[in-house]
C-alpha atoms as a PDB file:
ATOM      1  CA  MET A   1     154.188  87.839 109.014  1.00  0.00           C
ATOM      2  CA  GLY A   2     153.368  91.695 107.812  1.00  0.00           C
ATOM      3  CA  GLY A   3     149.601  91.238 107.901  1.00  0.00           C
ATOM      4  CA  ILE A   4     150.088  90.067 111.491  1.00  0.00           C
ATOM      5  CA  ILE A   5     151.567  93.321 112.555  1.00  0.00           C
ATOM      6  CA  ASP A   6     149.425  95.509 109.920  1.00  0.00           C
ATOM      7  CA  LYS A   7     146.156  93.743 112.079  1.00  0.00           C
ATOM      8  CA  LEU A   8     148.429  94.514 115.419  1.00  0.00           C
ATOM      9  CA  TYR A   9     149.069  98.403 114.993  1.00  0.00           C
ATOM     10  CA  ALA A  10     145.022  98.495 113.412  1.00  0.00           C
ATOM     11  CA  TYR A  11     144.114  96.908 116.959  1.00  0.00           C
ATOM     12  CA  ILE A  12     146.262  99.257 119.243  1.00  0.00           C
ATOM     13  CA  TYR A  13     145.350 102.240 116.695  1.00  0.00           C
ATOM     14  CA  LEU A  14     141.219 101.353 117.027  1.00  0.00           C
ATOM     15  CA  ARG A  15     141.940 100.416 120.795  1.00  0.00           C
ATOM     16  CA  GLY A  16     143.392 104.342 121.575  1.00  0.00           C
ATOM     17  CA  PHE A  17     140.872 105.979 119.895  1.00  0.00           C
ATOM     18  CA  LYS A  18     138.244 104.529 121.061  1.00  0.00           C
ATOM     19  CA  ILE A  19     139.888 105.359 124.719  1.00  0.00           C
ATOM     20  CA  TRP A  20     140.712 108.853 123.584  1.00  0.00           C
ATOM     21  CA  SER A  21     136.774 109.268 122.529  1.00  0.00           C
ATOM     22  CA  SER A  22     136.084 108.062 125.678  1.00  0.00           C
ATOM     23  CA  TYR A  23     138.015 110.413 127.569  1.00  0.00           C
ATOM     24  CA  ARG A  24     137.108 113.420 125.050  1.00  0.00           C
ATOM     25  CA  THR A  25     133.166 112.791 126.044  1.00  0.00           C
ATOM     26  CA  GLN A  26     133.997 112.462 129.821  1.00  0.00           C
ATOM     27  CA  MET A  27     135.712 115.814 129.714  1.00  0.00           C
ATOM     28  CA  VAL A  28     133.667 117.445 127.527  1.00  0.00           C
ATOM     29  CA  LEU A  29     130.209 116.266 129.852  1.00  0.00           C
ATOM     30  CA  ASN A  30     132.346 117.780 133.439  1.00  0.00           C
ATOM     31  CA  VAL A  31     133.238 120.920 131.179  1.00  0.00           C
ATOM     32  CA  LEU A  32     129.387 121.570 131.080  1.00  0.00           C
ATOM     33  CA  SER A  33     128.935 120.664 134.267  1.00  0.00           C
ATOM     34  CA  TRP A  34     130.971 123.195 135.359  1.00  0.00           C
ATOM     35  CA  VAL A  35     129.389 125.410 132.951  1.00  0.00           C
ATOM     36  CA  LEU A  36     125.858 125.317 132.704  1.00  0.00           C
ATOM     37  CA  PRO A  37     124.841 125.972 136.805  1.00  0.00           C
ATOM     38  CA  VAL A  38     126.832 129.516 135.861  1.00  0.00           C
ATOM     39  CA  PHE A  39     124.526 130.426 133.263  1.00  0.00           C
ATOM     40  CA  THR A  40     121.782 128.977 135.123  1.00  0.00           C
ATOM     41  CA  TYR A  41     122.329 131.142 138.231  1.00  0.00           C
ATOM     42  CA  TYR A  42     123.126 133.824 136.120  1.00  0.00           C
ATOM     43  CA  PHE A  43     119.618 133.985 134.283  1.00  0.00           C
ATOM     44  CA  VAL A  44     118.110 133.876 137.812  1.00  0.00           C
ATOM     45  CA  GLY A  45     119.628 136.423 139.103  1.00  0.00           C
ATOM     46  CA  THR A  46     119.127 138.348 136.043  1.00  0.00           C
ATOM     47  CA  SER A  47     115.360 137.747 136.204  1.00  0.00           C
ATOM     48  CA  LEU A  48     114.739 138.497 139.609  1.00  0.00           C
ATOM     49  CA  GLY A  49     116.146 142.184 138.745  1.00  0.00           C
ATOM     50  CA  ASN A  50     119.031 143.757 140.931  1.00  0.00           C
ATOM     51  CA  SER A  51     116.350 145.348 143.654  1.00  0.00           C
ATOM     52  CA  LEU A  52     115.071 142.018 144.538  1.00  0.00           C
ATOM     53  CA  VAL A  53     118.603 140.738 144.798  1.00  0.00           C
ATOM     54  CA  GLU A  54     119.907 143.577 147.005  1.00  0.00           C
ATOM     55  CA  ARG A  55     116.890 142.737 149.428  1.00  0.00           C
ATOM     56  CA  ILE A  56     118.822 139.398 150.618  1.00  0.00           C
ATOM     57  CA  GLY A  57     122.282 141.554 150.685  1.00  0.00           C
ATOM     58  CA  VAL A  58     124.156 141.122 147.936  1.00  0.00           C
ATOM     59  CA  SER A  59     124.956 143.784 145.749  1.00  0.00           C
ATOM     60  CA  ASN A  60     126.227 141.693 142.302  1.00  0.00           C
ATOM     61  CA  TYR A  61     124.583 138.461 142.522  1.00  0.00           C
ATOM     62  CA  THR A  62     126.482 137.156 139.369  1.00  0.00           C
ATOM     63  CA  ALA A  63     130.032 137.834 141.344  1.00  0.00           C
ATOM     64  CA  PHE A  64     128.643 136.505 144.290  1.00  0.00           C
ATOM     65  CA  PHE A  65     127.658 132.942 142.880  1.00  0.00           C
ATOM     66  CA  VAL A  66     130.357 132.698 140.508  1.00  0.00           C
ATOM     67  CA  ILE A  67     132.957 132.467 143.739  1.00  0.00           C
ATOM     68  CA  GLY A  68     130.674 130.093 145.501  1.00  0.00           C
ATOM     69  CA  LEU A  69     130.219 128.011 142.926  1.00  0.00           C
ATOM     70  CA  ALA A  70     134.320 128.071 142.043  1.00  0.00           C
ATOM     71  CA  PHE A  71     135.106 126.320 145.499  1.00  0.00           C
ATOM     72  CA  GLN A  72     132.206 124.714 146.553  1.00  0.00           C
ATOM     73  CA  GLY A  73     133.141 121.919 144.424  1.00  0.00           C
ATOM     74  CA  TYR A  74     136.614 121.715 145.809  1.00  0.00           C
ATOM     75  CA  VAL A  75     134.851 120.227 149.620  1.00  0.00           C
ATOM     76  CA  SER A  76     131.858 117.984 147.790  1.00  0.00           C
ATOM     77  CA  SER A  77     133.677 116.781 144.847  1.00  0.00           C
ATOM     78  CA  ILE A  78     136.746 116.059 146.433  1.00  0.00           C
ATOM     79  CA  ILE A  79     134.968 114.351 149.265  1.00  0.00           C
ATOM     80  CA  THR A  80     133.119 112.373 146.665  1.00  0.00           C
ATOM     81  CA  THR A  81     135.596 111.282 144.572  1.00  0.00           C
ATOM     82  CA  ILE A  82     137.998 109.460 147.880  1.00  0.00           C
ATOM     83  CA  SER A  83     135.353 107.641 149.007  1.00  0.00           C
ATOM     84  CA  GLN A  84     134.073 106.476 145.163  1.00  0.00           C
ATOM     85  CA  ARG A  85     137.637 105.566 144.794  1.00  0.00           C
ATOM     86  CA  LEU A  86     138.152 103.461 147.753  1.00  0.00           C
ATOM     87  CA  ARG A  87     134.230 101.869 147.035  1.00  0.00           C
ATOM     88  CA  ASN A  88     135.451 100.671 143.663  1.00  0.00           C
ATOM     89  CA  GLU A  89     138.768  99.098 145.051  1.00  0.00           C
ATOM     90  CA  GLN A  90     136.580  97.527 147.465  1.00  0.00           C
ATOM     91  CA  LEU A  91     134.181  96.332 144.183  1.00  0.00           C
ATOM     92  CA  TYR A  92     137.505  95.328 141.983  1.00  0.00           C
ATOM     93  CA  GLY A  93     138.611  93.422 144.846  1.00  0.00           C
ATOM     94  CA  THR A  94     142.183  95.402 144.435  1.00  0.00           C
ATOM     95  CA  ILE A  95     142.391  96.828 148.334  1.00  0.00           C
ATOM     96  CA  GLU A  96     144.400  94.486 149.610  1.00  0.00           C
ATOM     97  CA  TYR A  97     147.454  95.556 147.290  1.00  0.00           C
ATOM     98  CA  TYR A  98     147.442  99.060 148.274  1.00  0.00           C
ATOM     99  CA  VAL A  99     147.509  97.301 151.953  1.00  0.00           C
ATOM    100  CA  LEU A 100     150.504  95.214 151.077  1.00  0.00           C
ATOM    101  CA  SER A 101     151.688  97.903 149.419  1.00  0.00           C
ATOM    102  CA  SER A 102     154.825 100.079 151.259  1.00  0.00           C
ATOM    103  CA  GLY A 103     152.318 103.341 150.977  1.00  0.00           C
ATOM    104  CA  GLY A 104     149.190 101.577 152.095  1.00  0.00           C
ATOM    105  CA  VAL A 105     145.928 102.410 152.209  1.00  0.00           C
ATOM    106  CA  VAL A 106     146.363 106.401 152.879  1.00  0.00           C
ATOM    107  CA  SER A 107     148.901 107.290 150.306  1.00  0.00           C
ATOM    108  CA  PHE A 108     146.052 106.110 147.940  1.00  0.00           C
ATOM    109  CA  LEU A 109     143.955 108.632 149.807  1.00  0.00           C
ATOM    110  CA  LEU A 110     146.353 111.082 149.277  1.00  0.00           C
ATOM    111  CA  TYR A 111     146.291 110.447 145.641  1.00  0.00           C
ATOM    112  CA  SER A 112     143.245 110.589 145.521  1.00  0.00           C
ATOM    113  CA  ALA A 113     142.948 113.964 147.205  1.00  0.00           C
ATOM    114  CA  ILE A 114     145.704 115.753 144.725  1.00  0.00           C
ATOM    115  CA  TRP A 115     143.505 114.293 141.706  1.00  0.00           C
ATOM    116  CA  GLY A 116     140.314 115.832 143.388  1.00  0.00           C
ATOM    117  CA  PHE A 117     142.182 119.182 144.016  1.00  0.00           C
ATOM    118  CA  VAL A 118     143.949 119.266 140.377  1.00  0.00           C
ATOM    119  CA  ILE A 119     140.527 118.118 138.678  1.00  0.00           C
ATOM    120  CA  ASN A 120     138.734 121.244 140.318  1.00  0.00           C
ATOM    121  CA  THR A 121     141.541 123.604 140.096  1.00  0.00           C
ATOM    122  CA  VAL A 122     140.485 123.375 136.798  1.00  0.00           C
ATOM    123  CA  ASN A 123     136.616 123.640 137.746  1.00  0.00           C
ATOM    124  CA  ALA A 124     137.474 126.894 139.611  1.00  0.00           C
ATOM    125  CA  ALA A 125     138.999 128.709 137.026  1.00  0.00           C
ATOM    126  CA  VAL A 126     136.666 127.272 134.002  1.00  0.00           C
ATOM    127  CA  ILE A 127     133.487 129.087 136.263  1.00  0.00           C
ATOM    128  CA  LEU A 128     135.778 131.783 137.072  1.00  0.00           C
ATOM    129  CA  SER A 129     136.414 132.743 133.752  1.00  0.00           C
ATOM    130  CA  ILE A 130     133.125 132.686 132.703  1.00  0.00           C
ATOM    131  CA  GLY A 131     132.463 135.297 135.416  1.00  0.00           C
ATOM    132  CA  PHE A 132     134.727 137.388 134.594  1.00  0.00           C
ATOM    133  CA  ALA A 133     133.378 137.425 130.994  1.00  0.00           C
ATOM    134  CA  LEU A 134     130.007 138.067 132.644  1.00  0.00           C
ATOM    135  CA  GLY A 135     131.404 141.277 133.820  1.00  0.00           C
ATOM    136  CA  VAL A 136     132.611 140.412 137.301  1.00  0.00           C
ATOM    137  CA  LYS A 137     135.469 142.425 138.509  1.00  0.00           C
ATOM    138  CA  TYR A 138     138.309 140.894 140.437  1.00  0.00           C
ATOM    139  CA  GLN A 139     140.229 142.698 142.924  1.00  0.00           C
ATOM    140  CA  ILE A 140     142.185 139.848 144.381  1.00  0.00           C
ATOM    141  CA  ASN A 141     144.431 139.730 147.452  1.00  0.00           C
ATOM    142  CA  VAL A 142     146.481 136.837 146.365  1.00  0.00           C
ATOM    143  CA  LEU A 143     148.084 136.246 149.877  1.00  0.00           C
ATOM    144  CA  SER A 144     144.882 136.031 151.958  1.00  0.00           C
ATOM    145  CA  THR A 145     142.843 134.232 149.322  1.00  0.00           C
ATOM    146  CA  LEU A 146     145.650 131.246 149.155  1.00  0.00           C
ATOM    147  CA  ILE A 147     145.295 131.058 152.832  1.00  0.00           C
ATOM    148  CA  ILE A 148     141.577 130.833 152.886  1.00  0.00           C
ATOM    149  CA  ILE A 149     141.978 128.132 150.001  1.00  0.00           C
ATOM    150  CA  PHE A 150     144.763 126.235 151.828  1.00  0.00           C
ATOM    151  CA  LEU A 151     142.812 126.446 155.142  1.00  0.00           C
ATOM    152  CA  LEU A 152     139.823 125.134 153.057  1.00  0.00           C
ATOM    153  CA  LEU A 153     141.716 121.867 151.454  1.00  0.00           C
ATOM    154  CA  LEU A 154     142.873 120.848 154.684  1.00  0.00           C
ATOM    155  CA  SER A 155     139.392 120.560 156.340  1.00  0.00           C
ATOM    156  CA  THR A 156     138.484 118.898 152.949  1.00  0.00           C
ATOM    157  CA  ILE A 157     140.718 116.479 153.736  1.00  0.00           C
ATOM    158  CA  GLY A 158     139.486 115.430 157.300  1.00  0.00           C
ATOM    159  CA  PHE A 159     135.843 115.430 156.268  1.00  0.00           C
ATOM    160  CA  SER A 160     137.629 113.305 153.662  1.00  0.00           C
ATOM    161  CA  MET A 161     138.830 110.578 155.933  1.00  0.00           C
ATOM    162  CA  ILE A 162     135.930 110.662 157.726  1.00  0.00           C
ATOM    163  CA  SER A 163     133.617 109.472 154.520  1.00  0.00           C
ATOM    164  CA  ALA A 164     136.587 107.387 153.784  1.00  0.00           C
ATOM    165  CA  GLY A 165     136.152 105.466 156.831  1.00  0.00           C
ATOM    166  CA  PHE A 166     131.932 105.364 156.544  1.00  0.00           C
ATOM    167  CA  THR A 167     133.328 103.697 153.124  1.00  0.00           C
ATOM    168  CA  MET A 168     134.874 100.944 155.148  1.00  0.00           C
ATOM    169  CA  ILE A 169     132.126 100.645 157.688  1.00  0.00           C
ATOM    170  CA  VAL A 170     129.451 100.557 155.842  1.00  0.00           C
ATOM    171  CA  LYS A 171     130.407  99.596 152.497  1.00  0.00           C
ATOM    172  CA  GLN A 172     127.220 101.022 150.653  1.00  0.00           C
ATOM    173  CA  GLY A 173     126.214 104.687 150.648  1.00  0.00           C
ATOM    174  CA  ASN A 174     128.045 107.192 152.605  1.00  0.00           C
ATOM    175  CA  PRO A 175     125.793 109.983 154.488  1.00  0.00           C
ATOM    176  CA  ILE A 176     129.435 112.350 154.646  1.00  0.00           C
ATOM    177  CA  ALA A 177     130.038 112.425 150.799  1.00  0.00           C
ATOM    178  CA  PHE A 178     126.288 112.514 150.186  1.00  0.00           C
ATOM    179  CA  PHE A 179     125.842 115.755 152.085  1.00  0.00           C
ATOM    180  CA  PHE A 180     128.788 117.246 150.743  1.00  0.00           C
ATOM    181  CA  SER A 181     127.471 116.494 147.498  1.00  0.00           C
ATOM    182  CA  THR A 182     123.907 117.441 147.743  1.00  0.00           C
ATOM    183  CA  PHE A 183     123.358 119.857 150.561  1.00  0.00           C
ATOM    184  CA  THR A 184     126.170 122.023 150.724  1.00  0.00           C
ATOM    185  CA  THR A 185     125.224 124.674 147.709  1.00  0.00           C
ATOM    186  CA  LEU A 186     122.063 124.752 149.598  1.00  0.00           C
ATOM    187  CA  MET A 187     123.795 125.048 153.581  1.00  0.00           C
ATOM    188  CA  SER A 188     126.880 127.519 153.246  1.00  0.00           C
ATOM    189  CA  GLY A 189     125.906 130.296 151.088  1.00  0.00           C
ATOM    190  CA  THR A 190     127.003 129.128 147.749  1.00  0.00           C
ATOM    191  CA  VAL A 191     124.391 130.583 145.736  1.00  0.00           C
ATOM    192  CA  PHE A 192     122.558 132.849 148.372  1.00  0.00           C
ATOM    193  CA  PRO A 193     123.799 134.642 151.625  1.00  0.00           C
ATOM    194  CA  ILE A 194     123.091 132.536 154.922  1.00  0.00           C
ATOM    195  CA  THR A 195     121.190 135.274 156.399  1.00  0.00           C
ATOM    196  CA  VAL A 196     118.066 133.940 154.351  1.00  0.00           C
ATOM    197  CA  LEU A 197     117.847 130.994 155.629  1.00  0.00           C
ATOM    198  CA  PRO A 198     115.449 129.871 158.720  1.00  0.00           C
ATOM    199  CA  LEU A 199     117.716 129.836 162.367  1.00  0.00           C
ATOM    200  CA  PRO A 200     118.360 125.731 162.795  1.00  0.00           C
ATOM    201  CA  VAL A 201     119.592 125.842 159.194  1.00  0.00           C
ATOM    202  CA  LYS A 202     121.822 128.970 160.038  1.00  0.00           C
ATOM    203  CA  LEU A 203     123.424 127.122 162.564  1.00  0.00           C
ATOM    204  CA  ILE A 204     124.184 124.244 160.401  1.00  0.00           C
ATOM    205  CA  SER A 205     125.961 126.355 157.819  1.00  0.00           C
ATOM    206  CA  LEU A 206     128.089 127.849 160.562  1.00  0.00           C
ATOM    207  CA  ALA A 207     129.421 124.858 161.700  1.00  0.00           C
ATOM    208  CA  LEU A 208     130.674 124.433 157.927  1.00  0.00           C
ATOM    209  CA  PRO A 209     134.376 124.880 157.045  1.00  0.00           C
ATOM    210  CA  LEU A 210     132.866 125.958 153.704  1.00  0.00           C
ATOM    211  CA  THR A 211     130.214 128.787 154.682  1.00  0.00           C
ATOM    212  CA  TRP A 212     133.390 130.596 156.518  1.00  0.00           C
ATOM    213  CA  ALA A 213     136.084 129.991 153.584  1.00  0.00           C
ATOM    214  CA  LEU A 214     133.665 131.379 150.764  1.00  0.00           C
ATOM    215  CA  ASN A 215     132.461 134.461 152.768  1.00  0.00           C
ATOM    216  CA  GLY A 216     136.110 135.267 153.194  1.00  0.00           C
ATOM    217  CA  LEU A 217     136.924 134.247 149.404  1.00  0.00           C
ATOM    218  CA  ARG A 218     133.986 137.025 148.696  1.00  0.00           C
ATOM    219  CA  LEU A 219     136.184 139.290 150.404  1.00  0.00           C
ATOM    220  CA  SER A 220     139.660 138.289 149.297  1.00  0.00           C
ATOM    221  CA  MET A 221     139.052 138.060 145.302  1.00  0.00           C
ATOM    222  CA  LEU A 222     135.859 140.853 144.940  1.00  0.00           C
ATOM    223  CA  SER A 223     137.135 143.218 147.269  1.00  0.00           C
ATOM    224  CA  GLY A 224     141.021 142.908 147.827  1.00  0.00           C
ATOM    225  CA  GLU A 225     140.690 142.747 151.573  1.00  0.00           C
ATOM    226  CA  GLY A 226     143.945 141.059 153.397  1.00  0.00           C
ATOM    227  CA  ILE A 227     144.645 139.084 156.209  1.00  0.00           C
ATOM    228  CA  LEU A 228     144.184 141.617 159.041  1.00  0.00           C
ATOM    229  CA  HIS A 229     140.436 142.281 157.811  1.00  0.00           C
ATOM    230  CA  LEU A 230     139.753 138.309 157.378  1.00  0.00           C
ATOM    231  CA  LEU A 231     141.322 137.777 160.360  1.00  0.00           C
ATOM    232  CA  ASN A 232     138.538 136.268 162.546  1.00  0.00           C
ATOM    233  CA  VAL A 233     137.751 133.960 159.070  1.00  0.00           C
ATOM    234  CA  ILE A 234     141.316 132.490 159.003  1.00  0.00           C
ATOM    235  CA  LEU A 235     140.803 131.520 163.149  1.00  0.00           C
ATOM    236  CA  VAL A 236     137.981 130.088 162.814  1.00  0.00           C
ATOM    237  CA  LEU A 237     138.982 127.841 159.737  1.00  0.00           C
ATOM    238  CA  VAL A 238     141.891 127.336 161.686  1.00  0.00           C
ATOM    239  CA  THR A 239     139.817 125.982 164.738  1.00  0.00           C
ATOM    240  CA  PHE A 240     137.831 123.916 162.140  1.00  0.00           C
ATOM    241  CA  ASN A 241     141.011 122.102 161.378  1.00  0.00           C
ATOM    242  CA  ALA A 242     141.944 121.563 164.722  1.00  0.00           C
ATOM    243  CA  ILE A 243     139.518 119.753 165.152  1.00  0.00           C
ATOM    244  CA  LEU A 244     138.763 117.349 161.586  1.00  0.00           C
ATOM    245  CA  LEU A 245     142.306 116.719 160.771  1.00  0.00           C
ATOM    246  CA  PRO A 246     142.584 114.520 164.239  1.00  0.00           C
ATOM    247  CA  LEU A 247     138.889 113.133 163.557  1.00  0.00           C
ATOM    248  CA  GLY A 248     139.522 112.490 160.492  1.00  0.00           C
ATOM    249  CA  ILE A 249     142.695 110.423 160.901  1.00  0.00           C
ATOM    250  CA  GLY A 250     141.532 109.154 163.792  1.00  0.00           C
ATOM    251  CA  PHE A 251     137.936 108.418 162.368  1.00  0.00           C
ATOM    252  CA  TYR A 252     139.694 106.085 158.599  1.00  0.00           C
ATOM    253  CA  LYS A 253     142.229 104.439 161.391  1.00  0.00           C
ATOM    254  CA  TYR A 254     139.308 103.051 163.744  1.00  0.00           C
ATOM    255  CA  ALA A 255     137.694 102.559 160.452  1.00  0.00           C
ATOM    256  CA  PHE A 256     140.670 100.302 158.576  1.00  0.00           C
ATOM    257  CA  LYS A 257     141.703  98.089 161.432  1.00  0.00           C
ATOM    258  CA  ARG A 258     138.369  97.305 162.377  1.00  0.00           C
ATOM    259  CA  ALA A 259     137.677  95.830 158.894  1.00  0.00           C
ATOM    260  CA  ARG A 260     140.938  93.862 158.987  1.00  0.00           C
ATOM    261  CA  LYS A 261     139.865  92.750 162.212  1.00  0.00           C
ATOM    262  CA  LYS A 262     136.446  91.387 161.302  1.00  0.00           C
ATOM    263  CA  GLY A 263     137.931  90.690 157.695  1.00  0.00           C
ATOM    264  CA  THR A 264     135.630  92.823 155.476  1.00  0.00           C
ATOM    265  CA  LEU A 265     138.177  95.255 153.901  1.00  0.00           C
ATOM    266  CA  SER A 266     137.718  93.642 150.717  1.00  0.00           C
ATOM    267  CA  GLU A 267     133.669  93.108 150.874  1.00  0.00           C
ATOM    268  CA  TYR A 268     131.034  95.057 149.501  1.00  0.00           C
END
């Protein structure tokens, strides 16, 4: 009997050690994926020289891209996380359990969004800390910064619902998640101002809430600008949310009802 218990303890220990090792490896890779882009753009900026950077309207390039990288992840990663979680549940054949639960699939999406918010808050904190170590001086107006972040997160939920709807319908491939995980770095003024973009691309950039949010966050976190000075940015973000939230909820409900009616909810 003692030998069986010892073997059971050994199995539990080894199993726990493997899980912890896998989790630790994943965390190390996540941190590296947050840190390496910061140093990449830092060395790019320093190699270009201040005179060239100032020609594109940026007085402190390190501060510029640090704010951009810190908060661009809120949009791309959360949208990707939610659509990927929904896709995984389809693959595992467990999405029906969420449908039958009291909270339904909507609660599942909200929990996934909360996890995305948490992990990306850590991401933002790490990047901002590295920026501080590289000499970025923050003058944060807490109230205006929190308002802009809150409005950015609301718009992200709207896009996430649209992304989840596409996943529900097309099963494979998601143009919304792909766009925000790939092209927002280019189009939203994350690592360079949108003023250098061609006019057609610039118009697309102005149609993204992230572009306005990053502009407002740079002013509120680097210059300490208050609500009155950022009122135009806040009003634009409120307008985006008034459109995106109902649109996202409506499209997701349509996709969900369509999948249930066709009996393709768990197909992949």
